[in-house]
Amino acid sequence: MGNYQNTQQQGAQAFTTGSNTGGYTLSSIDIRFGTKYGTPTDFVVTLHAASGSNPNTSATLATLSGAKSPASGAHTYTCSGSGCDLSASTTYFVLLAAPGSTGTSTYSVDLTAAAETMQPSNNGWSIADKGREQLSGSWHDMLAAVKMKVTATAK
């Protein structure tokens, strides 16, 4: 496990839902933060559809509620109300951003070479092996995946 320092303000991690024909309801995403770099005061987690191998940043599907100044350790980000609707067998991106309008825009997330847990953990659910980061306006692979857990229920 290592740390990913984001000084460019945007990182993303893809996950793909399972094959339940009715789709799923996303309740939460847990992200593990590192200690090596700063703690932003305006951290935001959003959900996006995939546009090829990158997040479609022009269309935010949901903004998840959670810590705006995440300290090291695991933090849970939740969908409002009854959760966020997810389609079956579809790739989504969790976008991590610290716009930098207040405090520091630098943060770190723990990375892992192996995918974290998915709930439900069967029927085709997966987390991509590598996260993505935006550098100079283009998306590139990170060295490993963002350490996170996605929790959803079948509809």
Protein backbone atom coordinates (compact mmCIF):
# COMPACT_ATOMS: atom_id res chain seq x y z
CA MET A 1 0.00 0.00 0.00
CA GLY A 2 1.24 3.46 -0.83
CA ASN A 3 -0.01 6.99 -0.86
CA TYR A 4 -1.24 9.04 -3.77
CA GLN A 5 -0.64 12.76 -3.46
CA ASN A 6 -3.11 14.79 -5.45
CA THR A 7 -1.86 18.29 -6.16
CA GLN A 8 -3.86 18.52 -9.39
CA GLN A 9 -7.15 18.47 -7.44
CA GLN A 10 -8.83 15.51 -9.22
CA GLY A 11 -8.46 11.77 -8.92
CA ALA A 12 -10.95 9.06 -9.87
CA GLN A 13 -11.56 5.37 -9.25
CA ALA A 14 -13.73 3.19 -11.50
CA PHE A 15 -16.01 0.39 -10.36
CA THR A 16 -18.40 -1.81 -12.33
CA THR A 17 -21.75 -2.99 -11.01
CA GLY A 18 -23.01 -6.56 -11.07
CA SER A 19 -25.55 -8.20 -13.33
CA ASN A 20 -28.77 -7.82 -11.31
CA THR A 21 -31.35 -6.92 -13.98
CA GLY A 22 -33.12 -4.40 -11.72
CA GLY A 23 -29.90 -2.55 -11.01
CA TYR A 24 -28.68 -1.44 -7.57
CA THR A 25 -29.02 1.29 -4.99
CA LEU A 26 -25.69 2.74 -3.88
CA SER A 27 -25.73 3.59 -0.19
CA SER A 28 -22.11 4.48 0.55
CA ILE A 29 -18.48 4.56 -0.50
CA ASP A 30 -15.69 4.23 2.07
CA ILE A 31 -12.36 5.82 1.16
CA ARG A 32 -9.15 5.40 3.17
CA PHE A 33 -7.02 8.55 3.42
CA GLY A 34 -3.29 8.69 4.09
CA THR A 35 -1.36 10.95 6.43
CA LYS A 36 1.60 11.97 4.31
CA TYR A 37 0.15 15.11 2.75
CA GLY A 38 -2.23 17.90 3.74
CA THR A 39 -5.87 17.87 4.72
CA PRO A 40 -8.13 19.95 2.47
CA THR A 41 -11.05 21.93 3.85
CA ASP A 42 -13.28 21.55 0.79
CA PHE A 43 -13.01 17.88 -0.23
CA VAL A 44 -15.85 16.60 -2.45
CA VAL A 45 -16.78 13.08 -3.65
CA THR A 46 -19.02 12.77 -6.72
CA LEU A 47 -20.35 9.90 -8.81
CA HIS A 48 -19.98 9.96 -12.60
CA ALA A 49 -20.77 7.71 -15.54
CA ALA A 50 -17.81 6.43 -17.52
CA SER A 51 -16.77 8.07 -20.76
CA GLY A 52 -14.44 5.43 -22.16
CA SER A 53 -11.70 4.93 -19.58
CA ASN A 54 -12.34 8.32 -17.92
CA PRO A 55 -15.07 9.87 -15.81
CA ASN A 56 -17.64 11.97 -17.64
CA THR A 57 -16.96 15.08 -15.57
CA SER A 58 -19.54 17.16 -17.42
CA ALA A 59 -22.39 15.14 -15.89
CA THR A 60 -22.40 14.60 -12.13
CA LEU A 61 -24.83 11.80 -11.22
CA ALA A 62 -24.62 12.47 -7.47
CA THR A 63 -22.65 14.38 -4.87
CA LEU A 64 -22.04 12.22 -1.81
CA SER A 65 -22.15 13.59 1.73
CA GLY A 66 -19.14 13.16 3.98
CA ALA A 67 -16.09 14.77 5.52
CA LYS A 68 -14.95 18.00 3.85
CA SER A 69 -11.66 17.83 5.81
CA PRO A 70 -10.88 14.09 5.94
CA ALA A 71 -8.11 13.18 8.36
CA SER A 72 -6.15 9.95 7.92
CA GLY A 73 -8.17 6.74 8.08
CA ALA A 74 -11.43 5.54 6.55
CA HIS A 75 -14.25 7.97 5.81
CA THR A 76 -17.73 7.15 4.58
CA TYR A 77 -19.45 9.15 1.85
CA THR A 78 -23.18 8.54 1.41
CA CYS A 79 -25.87 9.16 -1.18
CA SER A 80 -28.73 11.32 0.05
CA GLY A 81 -32.24 10.07 0.71
CA SER A 82 -32.87 6.50 -0.37
CA GLY A 83 -29.53 6.19 -2.20
CA CYS A 84 -28.23 6.57 -5.74
CA ASP A 85 -29.59 4.41 -8.55
CA LEU A 86 -27.03 2.32 -10.44
CA SER A 87 -27.65 0.33 -13.61
CA ALA A 88 -26.59 -3.29 -13.99
CA SER A 89 -23.23 -4.14 -15.58
CA THR A 90 -22.24 -0.46 -15.84
CA THR A 91 -18.96 1.31 -15.08
CA TYR A 92 -19.02 4.36 -12.83
CA PHE A 93 -16.30 6.63 -11.50
CA VAL A 94 -15.93 8.01 -7.99
CA LEU A 95 -14.35 11.43 -8.47
CA LEU A 96 -12.22 12.82 -5.63
CA ALA A 97 -11.69 16.57 -5.71
CA ALA A 98 -10.31 19.32 -3.51
CA PRO A 99 -10.95 22.44 -5.56
CA GLY A 100 -8.55 24.49 -3.48
CA SER A 101 -10.84 27.41 -2.78
CA THR A 102 -10.00 27.24 0.92
CA GLY A 103 -7.16 25.66 2.87
CA THR A 104 -4.92 23.21 1.08
CA SER A 105 -5.93 21.36 -2.06
CA THR A 106 -3.35 18.65 -1.43
CA TYR A 107 -4.52 15.36 0.05
CA SER A 108 -3.52 11.72 -0.04
CA VAL A 109 -5.49 8.53 -0.40
CA ASP A 110 -4.19 5.06 0.37
CA LEU A 111 -3.53 2.93 -2.69
CA THR A 112 -3.60 -0.83 -2.91
CA ALA A 113 -2.45 -3.20 -5.63
CA ALA A 114 -5.51 -5.41 -5.01
CA ALA A 115 -9.14 -4.37 -5.37
CA GLU A 116 -10.98 -3.59 -2.17
CA THR A 117 -14.25 -5.19 -1.15
CA MET A 118 -17.51 -4.70 -2.95
CA GLN A 119 -20.87 -5.34 -1.35
CA PRO A 120 -22.50 -7.33 -2.87
CA SER A 121 -19.27 -9.10 -3.77
CA ASN A 122 -20.68 -11.39 -6.45
CA ASN A 123 -22.49 -11.19 -9.77
CA GLY A 124 -19.73 -9.31 -11.58
CA TRP A 125 -18.95 -6.40 -9.23
CA SER A 126 -15.38 -5.11 -9.58
CA ILE A 127 -13.08 -2.19 -8.85
CA ALA A 128 -10.54 -1.19 -11.51
CA ASP A 129 -6.92 -2.18 -10.81
CA LYS A 130 -5.74 1.43 -11.16
CA GLY A 131 -7.20 4.82 -10.37
CA ARG A 132 -7.04 7.75 -12.77
CA GLU A 133 -5.70 11.26 -12.20
CA GLN A 134 -6.08 14.43 -14.17
CA LEU A 135 -2.81 16.11 -15.09
CA SER A 136 -2.66 19.14 -17.39
CA GLY A 137 -6.20 18.49 -18.59
CA SER A 138 -5.65 14.81 -19.51
CA TRP A 139 -6.51 11.66 -17.54
CA HIS A 140 -3.71 9.16 -16.75
CA ASP A 141 -3.39 5.91 -14.78
CA MET A 142 -2.27 6.05 -11.16
CA LEU A 143 0.17 3.41 -9.91
CA ALA A 144 -2.60 1.43 -8.16
CA ALA A 145 -6.27 1.57 -7.14
CA VAL A 146 -7.71 3.96 -4.58
CA LYS A 147 -8.44 1.95 -1.45
CA MET A 148 -12.22 2.07 -1.20
CA LYS A 149 -15.30 -0.01 -0.49
CA VAL A 150 -18.59 0.35 -2.37
CA THR A 151 -21.80 -0.69 -0.59
CA ALA A 152 -24.99 -1.21 -2.61
CA THR A 153 -28.13 -3.35 -2.52
CA ALA A 154 -29.86 -5.08 -5.41
CA LYS A 155 -33.22 -3.62 -6.46
